[in-house]
Amino acid sequence: MSQPAWHGLWRTWARRAAALWGLWVGVAMPGVALAQITAAEFGAPTDRYAHGVLGDAIEWGSLTLSTADGRRLTLTLPQTRVFEDLAPRVITTMEGRTLAMVVETDMDLGARLSLYDEEGLFAATPYIGSSNRWLAPIGAADLDGDGQLEIAYVDRPHLAKTIRIWRLQGRELVSVAALPGYTNHRIGEDTIAGGMRTCAGVPEMIVADAAWQDVVALRWNGRDFSVQSVEKHRGRSSFARALRCE
């Protein structure tokens, strides 16, 4: 088990722990209630994974969480993994737990969606299974109104173009739905399009159709999807209007 350390020493710890999985600097003490995560950021930029799906050769080797009680906790990935993402997203579970949602990639197995709290990995989807295969998050919400949190992403937005929905049950992400024919990213773009919105009290996923002709709003009721075209795709401004419910 790692030992507490001041945040200013994290670089030294990271070098010592480069081959280890799950080492936190400033780790939470056993028996202490988890604090709320107030912010999350990537660090340790690296070019060790030559994929460049987000427009450059730089990915991230560490994740730092800031907590409401003033701590900063840093996890350093082993050399075989990177965070292949733009920025961590802080989400809140139905029970009020805060988690950092990230795209984490294994060099041989491709990407997975991972959730972290201040104790380390909380839950994750399986890796896609092949190198240079990626996923692009949409967001998290109780999509079907059953009181459980669902997380949605586009699986291989340049190839499979399939929306996948996972339900967070305890510390496990369970696959509950999939829908082909939609995407939210094109190779080389440095942003992920769309996201999650709530209009008239109903959460919706905002994405593009597979041909990038239309911006669409998708609902999922726990069994079926419904699709509504919002407007013709005219760049990121189309997604911005959709997310504002315009």
Protein backbone atom coordinates (compact mmCIF):
# COMPACT_ATOMS: atom_id res chain seq x y z
CA MET A 1 0.00 0.00 0.00
CA SER A 2 1.31 3.49 -0.81
CA GLN A 3 2.01 5.91 2.02
CA PRO A 4 0.86 9.52 2.44
CA ALA A 5 3.07 12.17 0.83
CA TRP A 6 2.87 15.87 0.16
CA HIS A 7 1.63 16.75 -3.27
CA GLY A 8 4.93 18.50 -4.03
CA LEU A 9 6.67 15.10 -4.03
CA TRP A 10 4.37 13.48 -6.57
CA ARG A 11 6.90 13.53 -9.40
CA THR A 12 9.41 11.56 -7.34
CA TRP A 13 6.75 9.03 -6.34
CA ALA A 14 5.60 8.75 -9.94
CA ARG A 15 9.08 7.82 -11.13
CA ARG A 16 9.40 5.17 -8.43
CA ALA A 17 5.96 3.74 -9.20
CA ALA A 18 5.98 3.86 -13.00
CA ALA A 19 5.51 0.10 -13.27
CA LEU A 20 2.81 -0.14 -10.60
CA TRP A 21 -0.97 0.12 -11.01
CA GLY A 22 -3.11 2.23 -8.72
CA LEU A 23 -0.53 4.21 -6.69
CA TRP A 24 -2.02 7.37 -5.23
CA VAL A 25 0.14 10.17 -3.83
CA GLY A 26 -1.63 11.63 -0.82
CA VAL A 27 -3.78 8.49 -0.61
CA ALA A 28 -6.94 8.42 1.51
CA MET A 29 -6.41 6.90 4.95
CA PRO A 30 -8.29 3.65 5.76
CA GLY A 31 -11.50 4.22 7.67
CA VAL A 32 -11.80 7.87 6.64
CA ALA A 33 -15.02 8.80 4.80
CA LEU A 34 -14.51 9.68 1.16
CA ALA A 35 -14.49 13.39 0.41
CA GLN A 36 -16.29 14.94 -2.55
CA ILE A 37 -14.19 15.30 -5.69
CA THR A 38 -14.34 18.94 -6.73
CA ALA A 39 -12.02 18.84 -9.75
CA ALA A 40 -9.93 16.43 -11.82
CA GLU A 41 -7.10 16.97 -14.27
CA PHE A 42 -4.63 15.00 -16.35
CA GLY A 43 -0.87 15.33 -16.05
CA ALA A 44 2.40 13.69 -17.11
CA PRO A 45 1.99 14.26 -20.87
CA THR A 46 3.49 11.43 -22.90
CA ASP A 47 3.97 10.32 -26.51
CA ARG A 48 4.43 6.63 -25.65
CA TYR A 49 1.18 5.64 -27.42
CA ALA A 50 1.31 6.48 -31.12
CA HIS A 51 -2.37 6.81 -31.98
CA GLY A 52 -3.05 10.54 -32.26
CA VAL A 53 -6.82 10.19 -32.60
CA LEU A 54 -7.37 13.58 -30.89
CA GLY A 55 -5.17 15.52 -33.29
CA ASP A 56 -1.69 15.21 -31.75
CA ALA A 57 0.75 12.63 -30.39
CA ILE A 58 0.36 13.60 -26.72
CA GLU A 59 -1.67 11.58 -24.24
CA TRP A 60 -1.59 11.60 -20.42
CA GLY A 61 0.09 9.44 -17.82
CA SER A 62 -1.48 10.65 -14.58
CA LEU A 63 -4.79 11.72 -13.05
CA THR A 64 -5.03 14.21 -10.17
CA LEU A 65 -8.19 14.61 -8.07
CA SER A 66 -8.90 17.64 -5.87
CA THR A 67 -11.23 17.01 -2.93
CA ALA A 68 -13.50 19.23 -0.87
CA ASP A 69 -11.28 18.77 2.18
CA GLY A 70 -8.31 20.31 0.38
CA ARG A 71 -6.36 17.25 -0.75
CA ARG A 72 -4.82 16.61 -4.16
CA LEU A 73 -4.39 12.94 -5.03
CA THR A 74 -2.39 11.77 -8.04
CA LEU A 75 -2.47 8.39 -9.75
CA THR A 76 0.27 7.44 -12.21
CA LEU A 77 -0.47 4.81 -14.84
CA PRO A 78 1.97 2.04 -15.76
CA GLN A 79 3.96 2.49 -18.97
CA THR A 80 1.55 0.23 -20.86
CA ARG A 81 -1.45 2.58 -20.39
CA VAL A 82 -2.43 6.19 -21.03
CA PHE A 83 -5.42 8.43 -20.56
CA GLU A 84 -6.48 8.98 -24.18
CA ASP A 85 -8.87 11.80 -23.49
CA LEU A 86 -9.34 15.56 -23.48
CA ALA A 87 -10.10 16.10 -19.78
CA PRO A 88 -11.60 14.10 -16.91
CA ARG A 89 -15.32 14.58 -16.21
CA VAL A 90 -16.55 14.70 -12.61
CA ILE A 91 -19.90 12.92 -12.34
CA THR A 92 -22.19 12.25 -9.37
CA THR A 93 -23.87 8.90 -8.74
CA MET A 94 -27.47 8.57 -7.60
CA GLU A 95 -26.12 7.98 -4.08
CA GLY A 96 -24.15 11.23 -4.13
CA ARG A 97 -20.67 9.74 -4.68
CA THR A 98 -18.43 11.78 -6.98
CA LEU A 99 -16.31 10.01 -9.59
CA ALA A 100 -13.87 11.01 -12.32
CA MET A 101 -14.91 9.56 -15.69
CA VAL A 102 -12.06 9.07 -18.18
CA VAL A 103 -11.04 7.23 -21.33
CA GLU A 104 -8.18 4.92 -20.37
CA THR A 105 -6.24 3.02 -23.03
CA ASP A 106 -4.05 -0.08 -22.89
CA MET A 107 -1.50 -0.14 -25.70
CA ASP A 108 -2.43 -3.68 -26.72
CA LEU A 109 -6.14 -3.79 -25.79
CA GLY A 110 -7.41 -0.34 -26.80
CA ALA A 111 -9.69 1.94 -24.81
CA ARG A 112 -12.11 1.43 -21.95
CA LEU A 113 -14.24 3.87 -19.96
CA SER A 114 -13.04 4.08 -16.35
CA LEU A 115 -14.44 5.64 -13.19
CA TYR A 116 -12.10 6.69 -10.37
CA ASP A 117 -12.66 7.86 -6.81
CA GLU A 118 -10.02 8.88 -4.27
CA GLU A 119 -9.30 5.24 -3.44
CA GLY A 120 -8.49 4.30 -7.05
CA LEU A 121 -10.37 2.50 -9.80
CA PHE A 122 -14.09 2.34 -8.92
CA ALA A 123 -15.52 0.68 -12.04
CA ALA A 124 -14.66 0.20 -15.71
CA THR A 125 -16.01 -1.25 -18.95
CA PRO A 126 -13.98 -3.97 -20.70
CA TYR A 127 -11.25 -2.83 -23.06
CA ILE A 128 -12.37 -2.77 -26.69
CA GLY A 129 -9.81 -5.51 -27.37
CA SER A 130 -7.39 -4.16 -30.01
CA SER A 131 -4.72 -1.48 -30.14
CA ASN A 132 -5.69 1.84 -31.75
CA ARG A 133 -9.37 1.35 -30.98
CA TRP A 134 -11.03 4.18 -29.04
CA LEU A 135 -14.31 5.36 -27.55
CA ALA A 136 -15.76 8.86 -27.12
CA PRO A 137 -17.89 9.63 -24.03
CA ILE A 138 -21.35 11.19 -24.31
CA GLY A 139 -22.18 11.60 -20.63
CA ALA A 140 -23.95 10.21 -17.57
CA ALA A 141 -27.60 10.48 -16.48
CA ASP A 142 -30.54 8.41 -15.29
CA LEU A 143 -31.70 7.88 -18.86
CA ASP A 144 -34.75 5.71 -18.17
CA GLY A 145 -35.92 7.24 -14.89
CA ASP A 146 -35.42 4.10 -12.79
CA GLY A 147 -33.21 5.76 -10.19
CA GLN A 148 -29.98 4.22 -11.49
CA LEU A 149 -27.17 6.02 -13.30
CA GLU A 150 -26.42 5.19 -16.93
CA ILE A 151 -23.25 6.12 -18.78
CA ALA A 152 -23.16 6.44 -22.57
CA TYR A 153 -20.35 6.58 -25.10
CA VAL A 154 -19.76 6.02 -28.81
CA ASP A 155 -17.81 2.83 -29.39
CA ARG A 156 -15.19 3.38 -32.13
CA PRO A 157 -16.76 6.60 -33.49
CA HIS A 158 -14.80 6.27 -36.76
CA LEU A 159 -15.50 2.58 -37.35
CA ALA A 160 -18.31 0.87 -35.41
CA LYS A 161 -20.19 4.16 -34.76
CA THR A 162 -22.26 2.49 -32.07
CA ILE A 163 -23.75 4.07 -28.96
CA ARG A 164 -23.34 1.87 -25.91
CA ILE A 165 -25.13 2.41 -22.60
CA TRP A 166 -23.85 0.99 -19.32
CA ARG A 167 -25.66 1.02 -15.97
CA LEU A 168 -23.67 1.61 -12.79
CA GLN A 169 -24.70 -1.10 -10.34
CA GLY A 170 -22.66 -0.95 -7.15
CA ARG A 171 -19.05 -1.01 -8.33
CA GLU A 172 -19.84 -2.58 -11.69
CA LEU A 173 -20.75 -1.17 -15.11
CA VAL A 174 -23.34 -3.43 -16.75
CA SER A 175 -24.06 -3.25 -20.48
CA VAL A 176 -27.77 -2.53 -21.04
CA ALA A 177 -28.20 -1.20 -24.60
CA ALA A 178 -26.47 -0.52 -27.92
CA LEU A 179 -27.50 1.38 -31.06
CA PRO A 180 -25.42 1.53 -34.28
CA GLY A 181 -25.42 4.38 -36.75
CA TYR A 182 -24.27 7.39 -34.68
CA THR A 183 -21.02 9.16 -33.87
CA ASN A 184 -19.54 12.16 -32.04
CA HIS A 185 -15.96 12.41 -33.32
CA ARG A 186 -13.91 12.44 -36.51
CA ILE A 187 -10.23 11.44 -36.65
CA GLY A 188 -7.95 14.34 -35.78
CA GLU A 189 -10.57 16.56 -34.14
CA ASP A 190 -9.46 17.99 -30.80
CA THR A 191 -12.99 18.05 -29.37
CA ILE A 192 -15.79 15.52 -28.87
CA ALA A 193 -19.11 16.70 -30.26
CA GLY A 194 -22.42 16.81 -28.43
CA GLY A 195 -23.05 15.37 -24.99
CA MET A 196 -25.94 14.94 -22.58
CA ARG A 197 -28.79 17.43 -22.20
CA THR A 198 -32.06 17.59 -20.25
CA CYS A 199 -34.95 19.32 -21.99
CA ALA A 200 -38.44 19.32 -20.43
CA GLY A 201 -37.09 17.07 -17.67
CA VAL A 202 -36.01 14.22 -19.97
CA PRO A 203 -32.31 13.42 -20.48
CA GLU A 204 -31.19 13.06 -24.10
CA MET A 205 -27.97 12.15 -25.87
CA ILE A 206 -26.84 14.66 -28.50
CA VAL A 207 -24.77 13.10 -31.31
CA ALA A 208 -24.48 13.08 -35.10
CA ASP A 209 -25.75 10.49 -37.51
CA ALA A 210 -23.05 8.26 -38.99
CA ALA A 211 -22.76 10.41 -42.15
CA TRP A 212 -22.51 13.71 -40.23
CA GLN A 213 -25.60 15.06 -41.98
CA ASP A 214 -27.82 15.69 -38.93
CA VAL A 215 -27.50 16.48 -35.24
CA VAL A 216 -29.89 14.19 -33.41
CA ALA A 217 -31.35 13.81 -29.91
CA LEU A 218 -31.65 10.24 -28.64
CA ARG A 219 -33.78 9.06 -25.74
CA TRP A 220 -33.70 5.62 -24.13
CA ASN A 221 -36.60 4.40 -21.99
CA GLY A 222 -34.94 1.26 -20.67
CA ARG A 223 -36.11 -0.84 -23.64
CA ASP A 224 -36.19 1.21 -26.84
CA PHE A 225 -34.50 4.23 -28.39
CA SER A 226 -36.32 7.19 -29.90
CA VAL A 227 -34.55 9.50 -32.33
CA GLN A 228 -35.33 13.11 -33.20
CA SER A 229 -33.44 15.16 -35.77
CA VAL A 230 -32.53 18.52 -34.23
CA GLU A 231 -31.02 20.31 -37.23
CA LYS A 232 -28.65 19.85 -40.14
CA HIS A 233 -25.05 19.55 -39.05
CA ARG A 234 -23.21 22.83 -39.60
CA GLY A 235 -20.27 22.40 -37.26
CA ARG A 236 -19.88 22.61 -33.51
CA SER A 237 -22.38 25.48 -33.27
CA SER A 238 -25.14 23.01 -34.18
CA PHE A 239 -24.25 20.85 -31.18
CA ALA A 240 -24.00 23.89 -28.92
CA ARG A 241 -27.54 24.97 -29.82
CA ALA A 242 -28.85 21.48 -29.28
CA LEU A 243 -27.25 21.24 -25.84
CA ARG A 244 -28.90 24.55 -24.90
CA CYS A 245 -32.27 23.02 -25.93
CA GLU A 246 -32.72 25.64 -28.66
